[in-house]
Amino acid sequence: MSSFALPFVVMPSIAACMVAWFVTDWRLAGAIAAGSLSILFIPALTQVVSVAVYLLPLLFGAAIGAMVSGVACYRSHDTTTWSRMLYALVITVTMAILAFLFLSQGR
C-alpha cells in the first residue's frame, strides 16, 4: 500500500462508511456534515501536521458520507444500511481518484 492510499483513500472511505452505517435520518446527516465541514476550517488543526494527516481525512470522509446518506435518506426513506454505505463508498473513492488524477496532471 502506498503512502498516499491510507490517508487519502482508505481513511476517508472508512469514515464515510461508518457515518453511512449510523445515519438513519436526513436531518442527522445534515448535522454531521455541517459539523465535520466546520471542523475542517479551523486553522489550528491544519498547523499540527501529525493531527492533520489523520484527522482531516476522517472528517472529510465523514462529511462526504453524511451528505450522500442525507440525500439517500431524504429521497427514499426505505434505503438499507448497505445501500447507504455503498453510495458513500463509491462517491468517496471516486472523489479520491479524481483528486489524484487532477494532481498528477499538474492542475
N, C-alpha and C. Protein backbone atom coordinates (compact mmCIF):
# COMPACT_ATOMS: atom_id res chain seq x y z
N MET A 1 0.85 -1.18 0.00
CA MET A 1 0.00 0.00 0.00
C MET A 1 0.90 1.24 0.00
N SER A 2 0.61 2.17 -0.88
CA SER A 2 1.44 3.36 -0.97
C SER A 2 1.16 4.30 0.20
N SER A 3 2.04 5.29 0.34
CA SER A 3 1.88 6.23 1.45
C SER A 3 0.69 7.17 1.24
N PHE A 4 0.22 7.30 0.01
CA PHE A 4 -0.93 8.15 -0.26
C PHE A 4 -2.26 7.43 -0.07
N ALA A 5 -2.24 6.11 -0.18
CA ALA A 5 -3.50 5.36 -0.15
C ALA A 5 -4.17 5.42 1.22
N LEU A 6 -3.40 5.31 2.30
CA LEU A 6 -4.00 5.29 3.62
C LEU A 6 -4.69 6.61 3.98
N PRO A 7 -4.00 7.75 3.93
CA PRO A 7 -4.70 8.97 4.35
C PRO A 7 -5.69 9.54 3.35
N PHE A 8 -5.52 9.25 2.06
CA PHE A 8 -6.36 9.91 1.07
C PHE A 8 -7.45 9.03 0.47
N VAL A 9 -7.36 7.70 0.63
CA VAL A 9 -8.38 6.82 0.09
C VAL A 9 -9.00 5.95 1.17
N VAL A 10 -8.17 5.26 1.93
CA VAL A 10 -8.68 4.27 2.89
C VAL A 10 -9.38 4.96 4.08
N MET A 11 -8.74 5.93 4.69
CA MET A 11 -9.34 6.58 5.88
C MET A 11 -10.63 7.33 5.56
N PRO A 12 -10.69 8.13 4.47
CA PRO A 12 -11.97 8.76 4.15
C PRO A 12 -13.07 7.75 3.81
N SER A 13 -12.70 6.65 3.18
CA SER A 13 -13.70 5.63 2.84
C SER A 13 -14.23 4.96 4.09
N ILE A 14 -13.36 4.67 5.05
CA ILE A 14 -13.81 4.08 6.31
C ILE A 14 -14.73 5.03 7.06
N ALA A 15 -14.35 6.31 7.11
CA ALA A 15 -15.18 7.29 7.80
C ALA A 15 -16.54 7.46 7.11
N ALA A 16 -16.54 7.47 5.78
CA ALA A 16 -17.80 7.61 5.04
C ALA A 16 -18.71 6.43 5.29
N CYS A 17 -18.15 5.23 5.29
CA CYS A 17 -18.97 4.03 5.55
C CYS A 17 -19.49 4.00 6.98
N MET A 18 -18.68 4.42 7.94
CA MET A 18 -19.13 4.43 9.34
C MET A 18 -20.28 5.42 9.54
N VAL A 19 -20.16 6.60 8.94
CA VAL A 19 -21.23 7.59 9.05
C VAL A 19 -22.48 7.08 8.36
N ALA A 20 -22.33 6.49 7.17
CA ALA A 20 -23.49 5.96 6.45
C ALA A 20 -24.15 4.83 7.22
N TRP A 21 -23.37 4.09 8.00
CA TRP A 21 -23.92 3.00 8.81
C TRP A 21 -24.85 3.55 9.89
N PHE A 22 -24.46 4.67 10.52
CA PHE A 22 -25.21 5.19 11.66
C PHE A 22 -26.32 6.16 11.29
N VAL A 23 -26.24 6.78 10.12
CA VAL A 23 -27.23 7.80 9.74
C VAL A 23 -28.53 7.12 9.31
N THR A 24 -29.60 7.49 9.97
CA THR A 24 -30.90 6.94 9.60
C THR A 24 -31.90 8.02 9.18
N ASP A 25 -31.54 9.28 9.34
CA ASP A 25 -32.44 10.37 9.00
C ASP A 25 -31.64 11.47 8.31
N TRP A 26 -32.25 12.16 7.38
CA TRP A 26 -31.54 13.19 6.63
C TRP A 26 -31.16 14.38 7.49
N ARG A 27 -31.93 14.64 8.56
CA ARG A 27 -31.58 15.75 9.45
C ARG A 27 -30.32 15.45 10.24
N LEU A 28 -30.18 14.21 10.67
CA LEU A 28 -28.95 13.80 11.35
C LEU A 28 -27.76 13.86 10.41
N ALA A 29 -27.97 13.47 9.17
CA ALA A 29 -26.89 13.54 8.17
C ALA A 29 -26.47 14.99 7.94
N GLY A 30 -27.42 15.90 7.89
CA GLY A 30 -27.08 17.31 7.72
C GLY A 30 -26.28 17.86 8.89
N ALA A 31 -26.63 17.44 10.09
CA ALA A 31 -25.89 17.89 11.27
C ALA A 31 -24.47 17.35 11.27
N ILE A 32 -24.30 16.10 10.90
CA ILE A 32 -22.96 15.50 10.86
C ILE A 32 -22.12 16.17 9.77
N ALA A 33 -22.71 16.41 8.61
CA ALA A 33 -21.97 17.06 7.52
C ALA A 33 -21.56 18.47 7.90
N ALA A 34 -22.48 19.23 8.49
CA ALA A 34 -22.16 20.60 8.89
C ALA A 34 -21.08 20.62 9.96
N GLY A 35 -21.17 19.70 10.92
CA GLY A 35 -20.17 19.65 11.98
C GLY A 35 -18.80 19.26 11.44
N SER A 36 -18.76 18.28 10.56
CA SER A 36 -17.47 17.85 10.00
C SER A 36 -16.85 18.94 9.15
N LEU A 37 -17.64 19.59 8.32
CA LEU A 37 -17.10 20.65 7.47
C LEU A 37 -16.66 21.86 8.29
N SER A 38 -17.37 22.16 9.38
CA SER A 38 -16.96 23.31 10.19
C SER A 38 -15.65 23.05 10.91
N ILE A 39 -15.41 21.80 11.34
CA ILE A 39 -14.14 21.47 11.99
C ILE A 39 -12.99 21.53 10.99
N LEU A 40 -13.27 21.23 9.73
CA LEU A 40 -12.21 21.28 8.71
C LEU A 40 -11.64 22.68 8.53
N PHE A 41 -12.42 23.71 8.83
CA PHE A 41 -11.99 25.08 8.60
C PHE A 41 -11.37 25.75 9.82
N ILE A 42 -11.03 24.97 10.83
CA ILE A 42 -10.31 25.52 11.99
C ILE A 42 -8.84 25.60 11.62
N PRO A 43 -8.27 26.79 11.57
CA PRO A 43 -6.88 26.91 11.10
C PRO A 43 -5.86 26.22 12.00
N ALA A 44 -6.11 26.12 13.29
CA ALA A 44 -5.14 25.50 14.19
C ALA A 44 -4.97 24.01 13.91
N LEU A 45 -5.99 23.36 13.37
CA LEU A 45 -5.87 21.93 13.07
C LEU A 45 -4.91 21.66 11.93
N THR A 46 -4.90 22.53 10.94
CA THR A 46 -4.05 22.29 9.79
C THR A 46 -2.58 22.58 10.09
N GLN A 47 -2.28 23.28 11.17
CA GLN A 47 -0.90 23.60 11.50
C GLN A 47 -0.21 22.46 12.23
N VAL A 48 -0.96 21.62 12.93
CA VAL A 48 -0.38 20.47 13.61
C VAL A 48 -0.38 19.31 12.62
N VAL A 49 0.77 19.00 12.07
CA VAL A 49 0.86 18.07 10.95
C VAL A 49 0.43 16.65 11.36
N SER A 50 0.84 16.22 12.53
CA SER A 50 0.51 14.85 12.94
C SER A 50 -0.99 14.67 13.13
N VAL A 51 -1.67 15.69 13.59
CA VAL A 51 -3.12 15.62 13.74
C VAL A 51 -3.81 15.74 12.39
N ALA A 52 -3.32 16.62 11.56
CA ALA A 52 -3.96 16.89 10.27
C ALA A 52 -3.89 15.69 9.34
N VAL A 53 -2.81 14.90 9.41
CA VAL A 53 -2.65 13.77 8.50
C VAL A 53 -3.73 12.72 8.75
N TYR A 54 -4.15 12.55 10.00
CA TYR A 54 -5.13 11.52 10.33
C TYR A 54 -6.54 12.07 10.56
N LEU A 55 -6.65 13.25 11.12
CA LEU A 55 -7.97 13.78 11.47
C LEU A 55 -8.70 14.38 10.27
N LEU A 56 -8.00 15.12 9.44
CA LEU A 56 -8.66 15.79 8.32
C LEU A 56 -9.23 14.81 7.29
N PRO A 57 -8.53 13.72 6.92
CA PRO A 57 -9.17 12.75 6.02
C PRO A 57 -10.41 12.09 6.63
N LEU A 58 -10.37 11.82 7.93
CA LEU A 58 -11.54 11.23 8.58
C LEU A 58 -12.72 12.20 8.57
N LEU A 59 -12.46 13.47 8.85
CA LEU A 59 -13.54 14.46 8.84
C LEU A 59 -14.08 14.66 7.42
N PHE A 60 -13.20 14.67 6.44
CA PHE A 60 -13.64 14.84 5.06
C PHE A 60 -14.48 13.65 4.62
N GLY A 61 -14.06 12.45 4.97
CA GLY A 61 -14.84 11.26 4.64
C GLY A 61 -16.18 11.24 5.35
N ALA A 62 -16.20 11.68 6.61
CA ALA A 62 -17.46 11.74 7.36
C ALA A 62 -18.42 12.74 6.73
N ALA A 63 -17.89 13.87 6.28
CA ALA A 63 -18.74 14.87 5.63
C ALA A 63 -19.32 14.34 4.32
N ILE A 64 -18.50 13.66 3.53
CA ILE A 64 -18.99 13.08 2.26
C ILE A 64 -20.04 12.01 2.54
N GLY A 65 -19.74 11.12 3.48
CA GLY A 65 -20.68 10.06 3.81
C GLY A 65 -22.00 10.59 4.33
N ALA A 66 -21.94 11.65 5.14
CA ALA A 66 -23.17 12.24 5.67
C ALA A 66 -23.98 12.91 4.56
N MET A 67 -23.31 13.60 3.66
CA MET A 67 -24.06 14.27 2.58
C MET A 67 -24.72 13.25 1.66
N VAL A 68 -23.99 12.20 1.30
CA VAL A 68 -24.55 11.17 0.43
C VAL A 68 -25.69 10.44 1.13
N SER A 69 -25.49 10.11 2.41
CA SER A 69 -26.54 9.41 3.15
C SER A 69 -27.76 10.30 3.38
N GLY A 70 -27.52 11.59 3.56
CA GLY A 70 -28.65 12.51 3.73
C GLY A 70 -29.51 12.59 2.50
N VAL A 71 -28.88 12.65 1.35
CA VAL A 71 -29.65 12.67 0.09
C VAL A 71 -30.39 11.35 -0.09
N ALA A 72 -29.70 10.24 0.21
CA ALA A 72 -30.34 8.93 0.06
C ALA A 72 -31.52 8.78 1.02
N CYS A 73 -31.36 9.23 2.26
CA CYS A 73 -32.45 9.12 3.24
C CYS A 73 -33.60 10.06 2.90
N TYR A 74 -33.29 11.23 2.36
CA TYR A 74 -34.34 12.19 2.03
C TYR A 74 -35.16 11.73 0.83
N ARG A 75 -34.49 11.18 -0.18
CA ARG A 75 -35.19 10.78 -1.39
C ARG A 75 -35.97 9.49 -1.21
N SER A 76 -35.41 8.56 -0.47
CA SER A 76 -36.07 7.27 -0.29
C SER A 76 -35.91 6.86 1.16
N HIS A 77 -37.01 6.82 1.89
CA HIS A 77 -36.94 6.55 3.32
C HIS A 77 -36.72 5.08 3.65
N ASP A 78 -36.73 4.21 2.66
CA ASP A 78 -36.55 2.79 2.95
C ASP A 78 -35.20 2.27 2.48
N THR A 79 -34.18 3.15 2.40
CA THR A 79 -32.87 2.68 1.99
C THR A 79 -32.25 1.85 3.12
N THR A 80 -31.59 0.78 2.72
CA THR A 80 -30.96 -0.07 3.71
C THR A 80 -29.60 0.50 4.11
N THR A 81 -29.07 -0.02 5.17
CA THR A 81 -27.75 0.41 5.63
C THR A 81 -26.68 0.11 4.59
N TRP A 82 -26.79 -1.05 3.96
CA TRP A 82 -25.78 -1.43 2.98
C TRP A 82 -25.81 -0.54 1.75
N SER A 83 -26.98 -0.12 1.33
CA SER A 83 -27.04 0.76 0.16
C SER A 83 -26.48 2.14 0.49
N ARG A 84 -26.75 2.66 1.68
CA ARG A 84 -26.17 3.94 2.08
C ARG A 84 -24.65 3.84 2.15
N MET A 85 -24.14 2.73 2.70
CA MET A 85 -22.69 2.55 2.78
C MET A 85 -22.08 2.43 1.39
N LEU A 86 -22.76 1.75 0.48
CA LEU A 86 -22.24 1.61 -0.88
C LEU A 86 -22.21 2.95 -1.61
N TYR A 87 -23.28 3.75 -1.47
CA TYR A 87 -23.29 5.09 -2.07
C TYR A 87 -22.14 5.92 -1.54
N ALA A 88 -21.97 5.93 -0.22
CA ALA A 88 -20.91 6.74 0.39
C ALA A 88 -19.53 6.27 -0.06
N LEU A 89 -19.34 4.96 -0.13
CA LEU A 89 -18.04 4.42 -0.52
C LEU A 89 -17.73 4.75 -1.98
N VAL A 90 -18.69 4.60 -2.86
CA VAL A 90 -18.46 4.88 -4.28
C VAL A 90 -18.14 6.36 -4.50
N ILE A 91 -18.89 7.25 -3.87
CA ILE A 91 -18.64 8.69 -4.04
C ILE A 91 -17.28 9.06 -3.46
N THR A 92 -16.92 8.53 -2.30
CA THR A 92 -15.64 8.87 -1.68
C THR A 92 -14.46 8.38 -2.51
N VAL A 93 -14.52 7.15 -2.98
CA VAL A 93 -13.43 6.61 -3.80
C VAL A 93 -13.35 7.36 -5.13
N THR A 94 -14.49 7.70 -5.71
CA THR A 94 -14.49 8.46 -6.97
C THR A 94 -13.84 9.82 -6.78
N MET A 95 -14.18 10.51 -5.69
CA MET A 95 -13.56 11.81 -5.44
C MET A 95 -12.07 11.69 -5.19
N ALA A 96 -11.64 10.65 -4.49
CA ALA A 96 -10.22 10.45 -4.24
C ALA A 96 -9.46 10.18 -5.55
N ILE A 97 -10.03 9.36 -6.41
CA ILE A 97 -9.37 9.06 -7.68
C ILE A 97 -9.32 10.29 -8.57
N LEU A 98 -10.40 11.07 -8.60
CA LEU A 98 -10.39 12.30 -9.39
C LEU A 98 -9.37 13.30 -8.86
N ALA A 99 -9.25 13.39 -7.54
CA ALA A 99 -8.24 14.29 -6.96
C ALA A 99 -6.84 13.85 -7.35
N PHE A 100 -6.58 12.54 -7.31
CA PHE A 100 -5.27 12.04 -7.73
C PHE A 100 -5.01 12.31 -9.20
N LEU A 101 -6.03 12.17 -10.03
CA LEU A 101 -5.86 12.44 -11.47
C LEU A 101 -5.55 13.91 -11.72
N PHE A 102 -6.26 14.80 -11.05
CA PHE A 102 -6.00 16.22 -11.24
C PHE A 102 -4.64 16.63 -10.70
N LEU A 103 -4.24 16.06 -9.55
CA LEU A 103 -2.92 16.39 -9.00
C LEU A 103 -1.79 15.83 -9.86
N SER A 104 -1.99 14.68 -10.47
CA SER A 104 -0.94 14.10 -11.29
C SER A 104 -0.77 14.84 -12.62
N GLN A 105 -1.80 15.56 -13.06
CA GLN A 105 -1.70 16.31 -14.31
C GLN A 105 -1.20 17.74 -14.08
N GLY A 106 -0.99 18.10 -12.82
CA GLY A 106 -0.43 19.42 -12.53
C GLY A 106 -1.44 20.54 -12.53
N ARG A 107 -2.71 20.22 -12.35
CA ARG A 107 -3.74 21.27 -12.35
C ARG A 107 -3.92 21.82 -10.97
